[in-house]
Amino acid sequence: MQRLSEIPPERGAMLQSSVIWLRAHLLRRWHAERRATLPLDVIEPVQVVAGLAAAVLLLIWSLPLIVRTLAP
């Protein structure tokens, strides 16, 4: 609502109540969407690090087999 109050009236005319309601509804919806996607935004870097760690562990685990296979 604070952002809505900062919007200047267009050409000095008062905004209709339906426009004010629509803007408030959109702000409420955007806030709810941000709040709902916050856990996904937080966990995404954790997933990347976990995937890289798993790849490194698999490489280390399979390294002896790779060396034996490539050795004459």
N, C-alpha and C. Protein backbone atom coordinates (compact mmCIF):
# COMPACT_ATOMS: atom_id res chain seq x y z
N MET A 1 0.82 -1.18 0.00
CA MET A 1 0.00 0.00 0.00
C MET A 1 0.87 1.25 0.00
N GLN A 2 2.06 1.12 0.57
CA GLN A 2 2.93 2.29 0.59
C GLN A 2 3.36 2.65 -0.83
N ARG A 3 3.68 1.62 -1.64
CA ARG A 3 4.05 1.89 -3.03
C ARG A 3 2.87 2.50 -3.79
N LEU A 4 1.68 2.01 -3.47
CA LEU A 4 0.50 2.53 -4.14
C LEU A 4 0.28 4.00 -3.80
N SER A 5 0.56 4.36 -2.56
CA SER A 5 0.35 5.75 -2.17
C SER A 5 1.37 6.68 -2.82
N GLU A 6 2.52 6.13 -3.24
CA GLU A 6 3.55 6.95 -3.88
C GLU A 6 3.27 7.22 -5.35
N ILE A 7 2.33 6.49 -5.93
CA ILE A 7 2.00 6.69 -7.34
C ILE A 7 1.23 8.00 -7.48
N PRO A 8 1.73 8.92 -8.30
CA PRO A 8 1.03 10.20 -8.43
C PRO A 8 -0.29 10.03 -9.19
N PRO A 9 -1.30 10.80 -8.81
CA PRO A 9 -2.56 10.74 -9.56
C PRO A 9 -2.33 11.22 -10.99
N GLU A 10 -3.03 10.62 -11.89
CA GLU A 10 -2.87 10.95 -13.30
C GLU A 10 -3.64 12.22 -13.63
N ARG A 11 -2.92 13.26 -13.98
CA ARG A 11 -3.46 14.56 -14.39
C ARG A 11 -4.43 15.15 -13.37
N GLY A 12 -4.09 14.96 -12.09
CA GLY A 12 -4.88 15.57 -11.05
C GLY A 12 -6.21 14.90 -10.78
N ALA A 13 -6.57 13.90 -11.53
CA ALA A 13 -7.86 13.23 -11.33
C ALA A 13 -7.72 12.17 -10.23
N MET A 14 -8.78 11.96 -9.51
CA MET A 14 -8.79 10.92 -8.48
C MET A 14 -8.91 9.55 -9.16
N LEU A 15 -8.18 8.59 -8.61
CA LEU A 15 -8.27 7.24 -9.15
C LEU A 15 -9.58 6.61 -8.72
N GLN A 16 -10.13 5.84 -9.58
CA GLN A 16 -11.36 5.14 -9.24
C GLN A 16 -11.05 4.07 -8.21
N SER A 17 -12.05 3.74 -7.43
CA SER A 17 -11.85 2.75 -6.38
C SER A 17 -11.50 1.38 -6.98
N SER A 18 -12.02 1.08 -8.16
CA SER A 18 -11.72 -0.22 -8.77
C SER A 18 -10.24 -0.30 -9.17
N VAL A 19 -9.66 0.81 -9.60
CA VAL A 19 -8.25 0.84 -9.97
C VAL A 19 -7.39 0.67 -8.72
N ILE A 20 -7.76 1.34 -7.65
CA ILE A 20 -7.02 1.21 -6.40
C ILE A 20 -7.11 -0.22 -5.90
N TRP A 21 -8.31 -0.81 -5.95
CA TRP A 21 -8.48 -2.19 -5.50
C TRP A 21 -7.65 -3.14 -6.35
N LEU A 22 -7.63 -2.92 -7.67
CA LEU A 22 -6.87 -3.79 -8.56
C LEU A 22 -5.37 -3.70 -8.27
N ARG A 23 -4.88 -2.51 -8.07
CA ARG A 23 -3.45 -2.34 -7.76
C ARG A 23 -3.11 -3.00 -6.42
N ALA A 24 -3.96 -2.83 -5.43
CA ALA A 24 -3.72 -3.45 -4.13
C ALA A 24 -3.76 -4.97 -4.24
N HIS A 25 -4.69 -5.47 -5.04
CA HIS A 25 -4.79 -6.92 -5.25
C HIS A 25 -3.55 -7.45 -5.95
N LEU A 26 -3.05 -6.74 -6.95
CA LEU A 26 -1.83 -7.16 -7.65
C LEU A 26 -0.63 -7.14 -6.72
N LEU A 27 -0.50 -6.11 -5.90
CA LEU A 27 0.60 -6.04 -4.95
C LEU A 27 0.54 -7.21 -3.97
N ARG A 28 -0.66 -7.52 -3.49
CA ARG A 28 -0.83 -8.65 -2.57
C ARG A 28 -0.45 -9.96 -3.24
N ARG A 29 -0.85 -10.12 -4.50
CA ARG A 29 -0.53 -11.35 -5.25
C ARG A 29 0.98 -11.46 -5.49
N TRP A 30 1.62 -10.36 -5.87
CA TRP A 30 3.07 -10.39 -6.11
C TRP A 30 3.83 -10.74 -4.83
N HIS A 31 3.37 -10.17 -3.72
CA HIS A 31 4.01 -10.48 -2.44
C HIS A 31 3.84 -11.96 -2.10
N ALA A 32 2.67 -12.50 -2.33
CA ALA A 32 2.43 -13.92 -2.06
C ALA A 32 3.29 -14.81 -2.96
N GLU A 33 3.45 -14.41 -4.22
CA GLU A 33 4.29 -15.19 -5.14
C GLU A 33 5.75 -15.17 -4.69
N ARG A 34 6.23 -14.00 -4.29
CA ARG A 34 7.62 -13.91 -3.79
C ARG A 34 7.80 -14.76 -2.55
N ARG A 35 6.84 -14.72 -1.66
CA ARG A 35 6.91 -15.50 -0.43
C ARG A 35 6.86 -17.00 -0.73
N ALA A 36 6.08 -17.41 -1.74
CA ALA A 36 5.96 -18.82 -2.09
C ALA A 36 7.21 -19.34 -2.79
N THR A 37 7.88 -18.51 -3.57
CA THR A 37 9.06 -18.97 -4.30
C THR A 37 10.35 -18.78 -3.54
N LEU A 38 10.31 -18.16 -2.37
CA LEU A 38 11.53 -17.93 -1.59
C LEU A 38 12.25 -19.23 -1.26
N PRO A 39 11.58 -20.29 -0.79
CA PRO A 39 12.31 -21.53 -0.51
C PRO A 39 13.00 -22.10 -1.74
N LEU A 40 12.39 -21.97 -2.89
CA LEU A 40 13.01 -22.47 -4.12
C LEU A 40 14.24 -21.65 -4.47
N ASP A 41 14.17 -20.35 -4.26
CA ASP A 41 15.32 -19.49 -4.54
C ASP A 41 16.48 -19.78 -3.59
N VAL A 42 16.15 -20.14 -2.35
CA VAL A 42 17.18 -20.43 -1.36
C VAL A 42 17.83 -21.78 -1.63
N ILE A 43 17.04 -22.79 -2.01
CA ILE A 43 17.55 -24.15 -2.14
C ILE A 43 18.30 -24.36 -3.46
N GLU A 44 18.10 -23.51 -4.45
CA GLU A 44 18.74 -23.70 -5.75
C GLU A 44 20.27 -23.75 -5.66
N PRO A 45 20.94 -22.82 -4.98
CA PRO A 45 22.40 -22.94 -4.87
C PRO A 45 22.83 -24.20 -4.11
N VAL A 46 22.03 -24.62 -3.13
CA VAL A 46 22.34 -25.84 -2.38
C VAL A 46 22.29 -27.04 -3.31
N GLN A 47 21.33 -27.09 -4.22
CA GLN A 47 21.24 -28.18 -5.18
C GLN A 47 22.45 -28.21 -6.09
N VAL A 48 22.91 -27.07 -6.53
CA VAL A 48 24.08 -27.01 -7.42
C VAL A 48 25.31 -27.53 -6.69
N VAL A 49 25.52 -27.09 -5.46
CA VAL A 49 26.68 -27.54 -4.69
C VAL A 49 26.59 -29.04 -4.42
N ALA A 50 25.41 -29.53 -4.07
CA ALA A 50 25.25 -30.97 -3.82
C ALA A 50 25.51 -31.78 -5.08
N GLY A 51 25.06 -31.30 -6.22
CA GLY A 51 25.31 -32.00 -7.48
C GLY A 51 26.79 -32.03 -7.82
N LEU A 52 27.47 -30.92 -7.65
CA LEU A 52 28.92 -30.89 -7.91
C LEU A 52 29.68 -31.79 -6.94
N ALA A 53 29.28 -31.79 -5.67
CA ALA A 53 29.94 -32.65 -4.68
C ALA A 53 29.72 -34.12 -5.03
N ALA A 54 28.52 -34.47 -5.46
CA ALA A 54 28.26 -35.86 -5.86
C ALA A 54 29.08 -36.25 -7.08
N ALA A 55 29.23 -35.34 -8.03
CA ALA A 55 30.04 -35.63 -9.22
C ALA A 55 31.50 -35.84 -8.84
N VAL A 56 32.02 -35.00 -7.94
CA VAL A 56 33.41 -35.15 -7.50
C VAL A 56 33.59 -36.46 -6.75
N LEU A 57 32.67 -36.81 -5.88
CA LEU A 57 32.77 -38.08 -5.15
C LEU A 57 32.72 -39.28 -6.09
N LEU A 58 31.86 -39.23 -7.08
CA LEU A 58 31.80 -40.33 -8.05
C LEU A 58 33.09 -40.43 -8.85
N LEU A 59 33.67 -39.30 -9.19
CA LEU A 59 34.94 -39.31 -9.92
C LEU A 59 36.04 -39.92 -9.06
N ILE A 60 36.11 -39.51 -7.79
CA ILE A 60 37.13 -40.04 -6.89
C ILE A 60 36.92 -41.54 -6.69
N TRP A 61 35.66 -41.94 -6.54
CA TRP A 61 35.34 -43.36 -6.32
C TRP A 61 35.70 -44.21 -7.53
N SER A 62 35.50 -43.70 -8.73
CA SER A 62 35.77 -44.47 -9.94
C SER A 62 37.19 -44.26 -10.49
N LEU A 63 37.95 -43.38 -9.90
CA LEU A 63 39.31 -43.10 -10.38
C LEU A 63 40.21 -44.33 -10.41
N PRO A 64 40.23 -45.18 -9.37
CA PRO A 64 41.08 -46.38 -9.46
C PRO A 64 40.70 -47.29 -10.63
N LEU A 65 39.43 -47.44 -10.89
CA LEU A 65 39.00 -48.27 -12.02
C LEU A 65 39.44 -47.66 -13.34
N ILE A 66 39.35 -46.35 -13.45
CA ILE A 66 39.76 -45.66 -14.67
C ILE A 66 41.27 -45.83 -14.88
N VAL A 67 42.03 -45.68 -13.81
CA VAL A 67 43.49 -45.83 -13.92
C VAL A 67 43.84 -47.25 -14.32
N ARG A 68 43.21 -48.26 -13.71
CA ARG A 68 43.47 -49.66 -14.08
C ARG A 68 43.10 -49.93 -15.52
N THR A 69 42.04 -49.35 -15.99
CA THR A 69 41.59 -49.58 -17.36
C THR A 69 42.54 -48.94 -18.36
N LEU A 70 43.08 -47.78 -18.06
CA LEU A 70 43.96 -47.09 -18.98
C LEU A 70 45.42 -47.56 -18.91
N ALA A 71 45.78 -48.22 -17.82
CA ALA A 71 47.16 -48.69 -17.67
C ALA A 71 47.38 -49.93 -18.57
N PRO A 72 48.57 -50.06 -19.15
CA PRO A 72 48.83 -51.21 -20.03
C PRO A 72 48.94 -52.50 -19.32
